[in-house]
Amino acid sequence: MTQRRLAEVAAKVGVSEATVSRVLNGKPGVSDATRSAVLTALDVLGYERPTQLRGERARLVGLVLPELQNPIFPAFADVVGNALAQRGFTPVLCTRTAGGVSEADYLELLLEQHVSGVVFAGGQYAQADAPHEHYRQMARRKLPAVLVNAAVEDLGFPRVSCDDAVAVEQAFGHLVALGHTRIGAVLGPTDHVPSRRKLAALVACAERAGVELAEEHAMFSLEGGQAAATRLLQRGVTAVVCASDPLALGAIRAVRRQGMRVPHDVSVVGYDDSAFMTCTEPPLTTVRQPIEAMGRAAVELLANRIAGTAVPDEELLFEPELVVRASTAPAPR
């Protein structure tokens, strides 16, 4: 870029020509806000961006989800996508598939696209035993990111979570009020941080209420829920609290396969209140995650980070809500 154009951009933004030069050459030592202002000034003045900075013009944001089979994730993508679009960002949807592209590989692809930031929902940060190096790489590159739902400690990103402890306290309290004294829990894998939080709260609830608690861990799927619930039924539970709605649907199937009925013989509570849970037979009692509020908060935090505004790294906890339908009833006499 000629000296005259450098001077023109510098004057437009109110920074030195040296700062403009650093931005154009991708050099460190410039705040995100100044960098963004310089690039915007280039666009406004009609100058071509340097090749390596062109991807930023699209204001892309990665949205990384673990799967789309569980209806809660498409619903979350919908909320986040709309909130991003309202702020002038374009979401790039990435979903992990078994044996397919890993989360770390997706991150590489997103970095190549010069994304402005990334929203992760239900990623490897929630699994204690999964690889986490790609998050540290993001932190080193100062790429803005927000994590949705509980994460392992010390990753240093803002987090937006549904309060797992409150969720199971609501579900458990509902079942105890219905007279259940042998309650089972179907949770995610043992290294899954939200499931660990749920289990700790369930153990405390059971001790306070003086009731028996039996827990089983499963992969997050209908089949996983069915297998885990079958084991719980063999242990004599009359009610099952599940860590997702698909797990709960698996539990209902397990009850039926044992020749019993929901809720007459066994009560089942889900978690998420994902799409179509009013249409199941029976309609599912579940704990609703406030995904609208959580998704909007995640985008607001990310937009602030991208703009260079300081954002606290502590976790924002959102309150879930018990939705009572027909899959829970008084304990069998």
Protein backbone atom coordinates (compact mmCIF):
# COMPACT_ATOMS: atom_id res chain seq x y z
CA MET A 1 0.00 0.00 0.00
CA THR A 2 1.33 3.46 -0.87
CA GLN A 3 2.37 5.92 1.84
CA ARG A 4 -0.55 8.22 0.92
CA ARG A 5 -3.08 5.40 1.37
CA LEU A 6 -1.48 4.34 4.66
CA ALA A 7 -1.80 7.93 5.88
CA GLU A 8 -5.42 8.09 4.74
CA VAL A 9 -6.39 4.89 6.62
CA ALA A 10 -4.44 6.00 9.72
CA ALA A 11 -6.25 9.37 9.72
CA LYS A 12 -9.63 7.67 9.28
CA VAL A 13 -9.08 5.41 12.32
CA GLY A 14 -7.08 7.86 14.41
CA VAL A 15 -3.99 5.67 14.81
CA SER A 16 -0.39 5.88 13.58
CA GLU A 17 0.69 4.70 10.13
CA ALA A 18 2.95 2.16 11.88
CA THR A 19 -0.14 0.61 13.55
CA VAL A 20 -1.93 0.36 10.17
CA SER A 21 1.17 -1.26 8.70
CA ARG A 22 1.27 -3.80 11.56
CA VAL A 23 -2.37 -4.76 10.94
CA LEU A 24 -1.83 -5.13 7.19
CA ASN A 25 1.21 -7.35 7.74
CA GLY A 26 -0.50 -9.48 10.41
CA LYS A 27 1.99 -8.42 13.09
CA PRO A 28 1.15 -8.75 16.84
CA GLY A 29 0.84 -5.90 19.32
CA VAL A 30 -2.45 -4.44 18.04
CA SER A 31 -5.73 -4.74 19.96
CA ASP A 32 -8.61 -6.62 18.31
CA ALA A 33 -10.71 -3.43 18.34
CA THR A 34 -8.01 -1.40 16.52
CA ARG A 35 -7.40 -4.22 14.04
CA SER A 36 -11.12 -4.43 13.29
CA ALA A 37 -11.33 -0.63 12.88
CA VAL A 38 -8.39 -0.59 10.42
CA LEU A 39 -9.91 -3.39 8.31
CA THR A 40 -13.29 -1.66 8.30
CA ALA A 41 -11.60 1.61 7.22
CA LEU A 42 -10.01 -0.24 4.27
CA ASP A 43 -13.47 -1.43 3.21
CA VAL A 44 -15.05 2.01 3.67
CA LEU A 45 -12.29 3.74 1.67
CA GLY A 46 -12.62 1.11 -1.08
CA TYR A 47 -9.12 -0.37 -0.73
CA GLU A 48 -8.49 -4.05 -1.28
CA ARG A 49 -7.58 -5.99 1.84
CA PRO A 50 -4.32 -7.98 1.84
CA THR A 51 -5.01 -11.58 0.73
CA GLN A 52 -4.44 -13.14 4.17
CA LEU A 53 -7.01 -10.77 5.73
CA ARG A 54 -9.78 -11.16 3.17
CA GLY A 55 -11.51 -14.00 4.98
CA GLU A 56 -12.29 -11.64 7.83
CA ARG A 57 -14.53 -9.52 5.63
CA ALA A 58 -17.25 -12.18 5.86
CA ARG A 59 -17.24 -11.89 9.68
CA LEU A 60 -17.54 -15.66 10.02
CA VAL A 61 -18.15 -17.39 13.38
CA GLY A 62 -17.69 -21.13 13.85
CA LEU A 63 -20.49 -23.01 15.63
CA VAL A 64 -19.15 -26.41 16.69
CA LEU A 65 -21.71 -29.03 17.82
CA PRO A 66 -21.16 -32.67 18.80
CA GLU A 67 -24.11 -34.05 16.79
CA LEU A 68 -27.49 -33.20 15.28
CA GLN A 69 -29.36 -36.40 16.27
CA ASN A 70 -30.35 -34.94 19.65
CA PRO A 71 -32.94 -32.24 18.78
CA ILE A 72 -31.49 -29.88 21.42
CA PHE A 73 -28.44 -29.17 19.21
CA PRO A 74 -30.30 -28.07 16.03
CA ALA A 75 -32.50 -25.92 18.31
CA PHE A 76 -29.41 -24.37 19.84
CA ALA A 77 -27.87 -23.80 16.38
CA ASP A 78 -31.07 -21.99 15.40
CA VAL A 79 -30.89 -19.61 18.39
CA VAL A 80 -27.16 -18.90 18.00
CA GLY A 81 -27.39 -18.57 14.20
CA ASN A 82 -30.17 -15.97 14.48
CA ALA A 83 -28.37 -14.03 17.22
CA LEU A 84 -25.15 -13.98 15.15
CA ALA A 85 -26.97 -12.86 12.00
CA GLN A 86 -28.55 -9.97 13.93
CA ARG A 87 -25.01 -8.78 14.75
CA GLY A 88 -23.77 -9.10 11.18
CA PHE A 89 -21.93 -12.41 11.60
CA THR A 90 -22.30 -15.49 9.42
CA PRO A 91 -22.33 -18.84 11.30
CA VAL A 92 -20.29 -21.77 9.97
CA LEU A 93 -21.83 -25.00 11.31
CA CYS A 94 -19.46 -27.86 12.18
CA THR A 95 -20.73 -31.15 13.63
CA ARG A 96 -18.54 -34.01 14.76
CA THR A 97 -19.38 -37.47 13.45
CA ALA A 98 -18.01 -40.78 14.71
CA GLY A 99 -14.90 -41.61 12.71
CA GLY A 100 -15.25 -38.33 10.81
CA VAL A 101 -13.74 -34.89 11.24
CA SER A 102 -12.51 -34.29 14.81
CA GLU A 103 -13.10 -31.10 16.78
CA ALA A 104 -9.39 -30.21 16.45
CA ASP A 105 -9.57 -30.71 12.66
CA TYR A 106 -12.64 -28.48 12.45
CA LEU A 107 -10.79 -25.82 14.42
CA GLU A 108 -7.93 -25.94 11.87
CA LEU A 109 -10.46 -25.49 9.04
CA LEU A 110 -12.08 -22.56 10.86
CA LEU A 111 -8.69 -20.90 11.45
CA GLU A 112 -7.94 -21.24 7.73
CA GLN A 113 -11.24 -19.43 7.05
CA HIS A 114 -10.08 -16.55 9.32
CA VAL A 115 -13.17 -16.86 11.55
CA SER A 116 -13.68 -14.00 14.00
CA GLY A 117 -14.59 -16.41 16.83
CA VAL A 118 -16.10 -19.79 17.77
CA VAL A 119 -19.08 -20.95 19.85
CA PHE A 120 -18.74 -24.53 21.14
CA ALA A 121 -21.72 -26.49 22.50
CA GLY A 122 -21.27 -29.90 24.12
CA GLY A 123 -17.66 -30.21 22.94
CA GLN A 124 -14.63 -32.11 24.18
CA TYR A 125 -14.12 -29.45 26.87
CA ALA A 126 -16.99 -31.24 28.71
CA GLN A 127 -15.07 -34.57 28.77
CA ALA A 128 -12.25 -34.77 31.30
CA ASP A 129 -10.44 -37.56 29.43
CA ALA A 130 -10.73 -36.07 25.91
CA PRO A 131 -7.92 -34.11 24.19
CA HIS A 132 -7.93 -30.38 25.05
CA GLU A 133 -4.79 -29.10 23.30
CA HIS A 134 -6.79 -27.43 20.49
CA TYR A 135 -8.47 -25.14 23.07
CA ARG A 136 -5.05 -24.11 24.40
CA GLN A 137 -3.97 -23.44 20.81
CA MET A 138 -7.00 -21.13 20.44
CA ALA A 139 -6.08 -19.34 23.66
CA ARG A 140 -2.49 -18.86 22.45
CA ARG A 141 -3.78 -17.39 19.18
CA LYS A 142 -6.19 -15.20 21.17
CA LEU A 143 -9.12 -16.45 19.09
CA PRO A 144 -12.35 -15.39 20.86
CA ALA A 145 -14.47 -18.38 21.93
CA VAL A 146 -17.38 -19.21 24.24
CA LEU A 147 -18.14 -22.65 25.70
CA VAL A 148 -21.75 -23.69 26.31
CA ASN A 149 -22.35 -25.96 29.33
CA ALA A 150 -19.93 -27.25 31.93
CA ALA A 151 -16.25 -27.50 31.02
CA VAL A 152 -13.10 -28.95 32.56
CA GLU A 153 -11.25 -26.37 34.67
CA ASP A 154 -8.58 -23.90 33.55
CA LEU A 155 -9.37 -23.53 29.85
CA GLY A 156 -9.79 -19.78 30.34
CA PHE A 157 -12.81 -19.14 28.10
CA PRO A 158 -16.16 -17.55 29.04
CA ARG A 159 -18.80 -20.23 29.78
CA VAL A 160 -22.58 -20.21 29.57
CA SER A 161 -24.13 -23.16 31.42
CA CYS A 162 -27.43 -24.56 32.54
CA ASP A 163 -27.24 -25.20 36.29
CA ASP A 164 -26.91 -29.00 36.44
CA ALA A 165 -27.33 -29.14 40.22
CA VAL A 166 -30.61 -27.19 40.16
CA ALA A 167 -31.86 -29.35 37.26
CA VAL A 168 -31.52 -32.63 39.14
CA GLU A 169 -32.73 -31.09 42.41
CA GLN A 170 -35.97 -30.16 40.61
CA ALA A 171 -36.35 -33.61 39.02
CA PHE A 172 -35.42 -35.48 42.21
CA GLY A 173 -37.65 -33.30 44.42
CA HIS A 174 -40.59 -33.96 42.08
CA LEU A 175 -40.09 -37.76 42.32
CA VAL A 176 -39.64 -37.70 46.13
CA ALA A 177 -42.86 -35.65 46.44
CA LEU A 178 -44.60 -38.42 44.44
CA GLY A 179 -43.47 -40.94 47.09
CA HIS A 180 -40.58 -42.63 45.23
CA THR A 181 -37.91 -44.05 47.56
CA ARG A 182 -35.79 -46.07 45.07
CA ILE A 183 -34.66 -43.68 42.35
CA GLY A 184 -32.26 -44.42 39.50
CA ALA A 185 -30.16 -42.03 37.41
CA VAL A 186 -29.01 -42.54 33.81
CA LEU A 187 -26.03 -40.22 33.27
CA GLY A 188 -23.55 -39.61 30.47
CA PRO A 189 -20.00 -41.09 30.44
CA THR A 190 -18.08 -41.01 33.74
CA ASP A 191 -15.70 -38.27 32.50
CA HIS A 192 -18.56 -36.01 31.31
CA VAL A 193 -18.41 -32.86 33.47
CA PRO A 194 -22.17 -31.96 33.40
CA SER A 195 -22.99 -35.58 34.36
CA ARG A 196 -20.47 -35.42 37.22
CA ARG A 197 -22.16 -32.27 38.49
CA LYS A 198 -25.57 -33.91 38.21
CA LEU A 199 -24.36 -36.99 40.10
CA ALA A 200 -22.85 -34.94 42.96
CA ALA A 201 -26.16 -33.06 43.34
CA LEU A 202 -28.20 -36.31 43.16
CA VAL A 203 -26.09 -37.94 45.89
CA ALA A 204 -26.64 -34.89 48.13
CA CYS A 205 -30.41 -34.90 47.38
CA ALA A 206 -30.70 -38.62 48.17
CA GLU A 207 -28.87 -38.21 51.47
CA ARG A 208 -31.07 -35.29 52.49
CA ALA A 209 -34.29 -37.11 51.53
CA GLY A 210 -33.17 -40.45 52.97
CA VAL A 211 -33.94 -42.35 49.76
CA GLU A 212 -31.95 -44.93 47.77
CA LEU A 213 -30.08 -43.75 44.67
CA ALA A 214 -28.72 -46.08 41.99
CA GLU A 215 -26.76 -44.68 39.04
CA GLU A 216 -25.70 -46.00 35.64
CA HIS A 217 -23.56 -44.33 32.97
CA ALA A 218 -24.24 -44.53 29.22
CA MET A 219 -23.35 -43.01 25.88
CA PHE A 220 -25.78 -40.20 24.99
CA SER A 221 -28.17 -42.17 22.80
CA LEU A 222 -31.53 -43.91 22.92
CA GLU A 223 -29.76 -47.31 22.93
CA GLY A 224 -27.45 -46.19 25.74
CA GLY A 225 -30.45 -45.07 27.79
CA GLN A 226 -32.27 -48.34 27.21
CA ALA A 227 -29.29 -50.48 28.30
CA ALA A 228 -28.59 -48.38 31.41
CA ALA A 229 -32.26 -48.23 32.43
CA THR A 230 -32.59 -52.02 32.01
CA ARG A 231 -29.80 -52.43 34.59
CA LEU A 232 -31.53 -49.96 36.92
CA LEU A 233 -34.86 -51.80 36.64
CA GLN A 234 -33.08 -55.01 37.67
CA ARG A 235 -31.97 -53.10 40.78
CA GLY A 236 -35.62 -52.37 41.65
CA VAL A 237 -35.97 -48.63 41.01
CA THR A 238 -39.45 -47.13 40.59
CA ALA A 239 -38.30 -43.87 38.98
CA VAL A 240 -35.46 -42.82 36.63
CA VAL A 241 -33.85 -39.38 36.21
CA CYS A 242 -32.03 -39.04 32.86
CA ALA A 243 -29.31 -36.64 31.68
CA SER A 244 -30.95 -36.06 28.26
CA ASP A 245 -34.29 -36.59 26.54
CA PRO A 246 -32.99 -39.32 24.17
CA LEU A 247 -31.71 -41.21 27.25
CA ALA A 248 -35.18 -40.85 28.78
CA LEU A 249 -36.84 -42.23 25.62
CA GLY A 250 -34.45 -45.19 25.86
CA ALA A 251 -35.49 -45.66 29.50
CA ILE A 252 -39.19 -45.69 28.52
CA ARG A 253 -38.43 -48.34 25.92
CA ALA A 254 -36.58 -50.40 28.58
CA VAL A 255 -39.60 -50.24 30.92
CA ARG A 256 -41.89 -51.48 28.13
CA ARG A 257 -39.51 -54.30 27.17
CA GLN A 258 -39.71 -55.48 30.79
CA GLY A 259 -43.51 -55.71 30.42
CA MET A 260 -44.15 -52.65 32.61
CA ARG A 261 -45.78 -49.28 32.01
CA VAL A 262 -44.70 -45.63 32.28
CA PRO A 263 -45.72 -43.99 34.60
CA HIS A 264 -47.94 -46.65 36.26
CA ASP A 265 -44.99 -48.87 37.27
CA VAL A 266 -41.98 -46.62 36.66
CA SER A 267 -41.72 -42.82 36.36
CA VAL A 268 -39.19 -41.27 33.93
CA VAL A 269 -37.80 -37.70 33.84
CA GLY A 270 -35.73 -36.33 30.93
CA TYR A 271 -33.45 -33.32 30.56
CA ASP A 272 -33.41 -30.55 27.86
CA ASP A 273 -37.11 -30.34 26.85
CA SER A 274 -36.10 -30.81 23.23
CA ALA A 275 -38.51 -30.83 20.29
CA PHE A 276 -41.40 -33.32 20.18
CA MET A 277 -41.26 -34.32 23.87
CA THR A 278 -44.93 -33.30 24.10
CA CYS A 279 -45.65 -35.85 21.33
CA THR A 280 -44.07 -38.93 22.94
CA GLU A 281 -46.24 -41.59 24.55
CA PRO A 282 -46.61 -40.65 27.34
CA PRO A 283 -45.57 -36.97 26.94
CA LEU A 284 -42.25 -36.60 28.76
CA THR A 285 -41.75 -34.88 32.10
CA THR A 286 -38.39 -33.16 31.65
CA VAL A 287 -36.18 -30.30 32.84
CA ARG A 288 -36.04 -27.49 30.30
CA GLN A 289 -32.72 -25.86 29.44
CA PRO A 290 -33.28 -22.13 28.70
CA ILE A 291 -31.49 -22.38 25.35
CA GLU A 292 -32.88 -19.11 24.01
CA ALA A 293 -31.36 -17.10 26.88
CA MET A 294 -28.17 -19.20 26.91
CA GLY A 295 -27.62 -18.91 23.15
CA ARG A 296 -28.12 -15.15 23.16
CA ALA A 297 -25.78 -14.74 26.13
CA ALA A 298 -23.10 -16.83 24.38
CA VAL A 299 -23.30 -14.65 21.26
CA GLU A 300 -23.20 -11.44 23.33
CA LEU A 301 -20.08 -12.62 25.18
CA LEU A 302 -18.44 -13.62 21.90
CA ALA A 303 -19.34 -10.34 20.15
CA ASN A 304 -17.82 -8.41 23.07
CA ARG A 305 -14.66 -10.53 22.90
CA ILE A 306 -14.39 -9.95 19.13
CA ALA A 307 -14.82 -6.19 19.67
CA GLY A 308 -11.92 -6.28 22.12
CA THR A 309 -14.04 -5.67 25.23
CA ALA A 310 -12.91 -7.49 28.38
CA VAL A 311 -15.22 -10.40 29.22
CA PRO A 312 -15.08 -12.31 32.54
CA ASP A 313 -13.96 -15.95 32.29
CA GLU A 314 -16.24 -17.17 35.06
CA GLU A 315 -19.27 -19.31 34.30
CA LEU A 316 -22.72 -17.80 33.82
CA LEU A 317 -25.25 -20.25 35.31
CA PHE A 318 -28.77 -20.26 33.88
CA GLU A 319 -31.77 -21.59 35.77
CA PRO A 320 -33.57 -24.63 34.29
CA GLU A 321 -37.30 -25.31 34.71
CA LEU A 322 -39.11 -28.56 35.51
CA VAL A 323 -41.89 -29.26 32.97
CA VAL A 324 -44.31 -31.84 34.40
CA ARG A 325 -46.13 -33.96 31.82
CA ALA A 326 -47.45 -37.54 31.90
CA SER A 327 -44.33 -39.72 32.33
CA THR A 328 -44.29 -39.28 36.14
CA ALA A 329 -46.87 -40.44 38.68
CA PRO A 330 -47.08 -41.48 42.36
CA ALA A 331 -44.88 -44.45 43.29
CA PRO A 332 -46.62 -47.82 42.88
CA ARG A 333 -48.02 -49.11 46.17
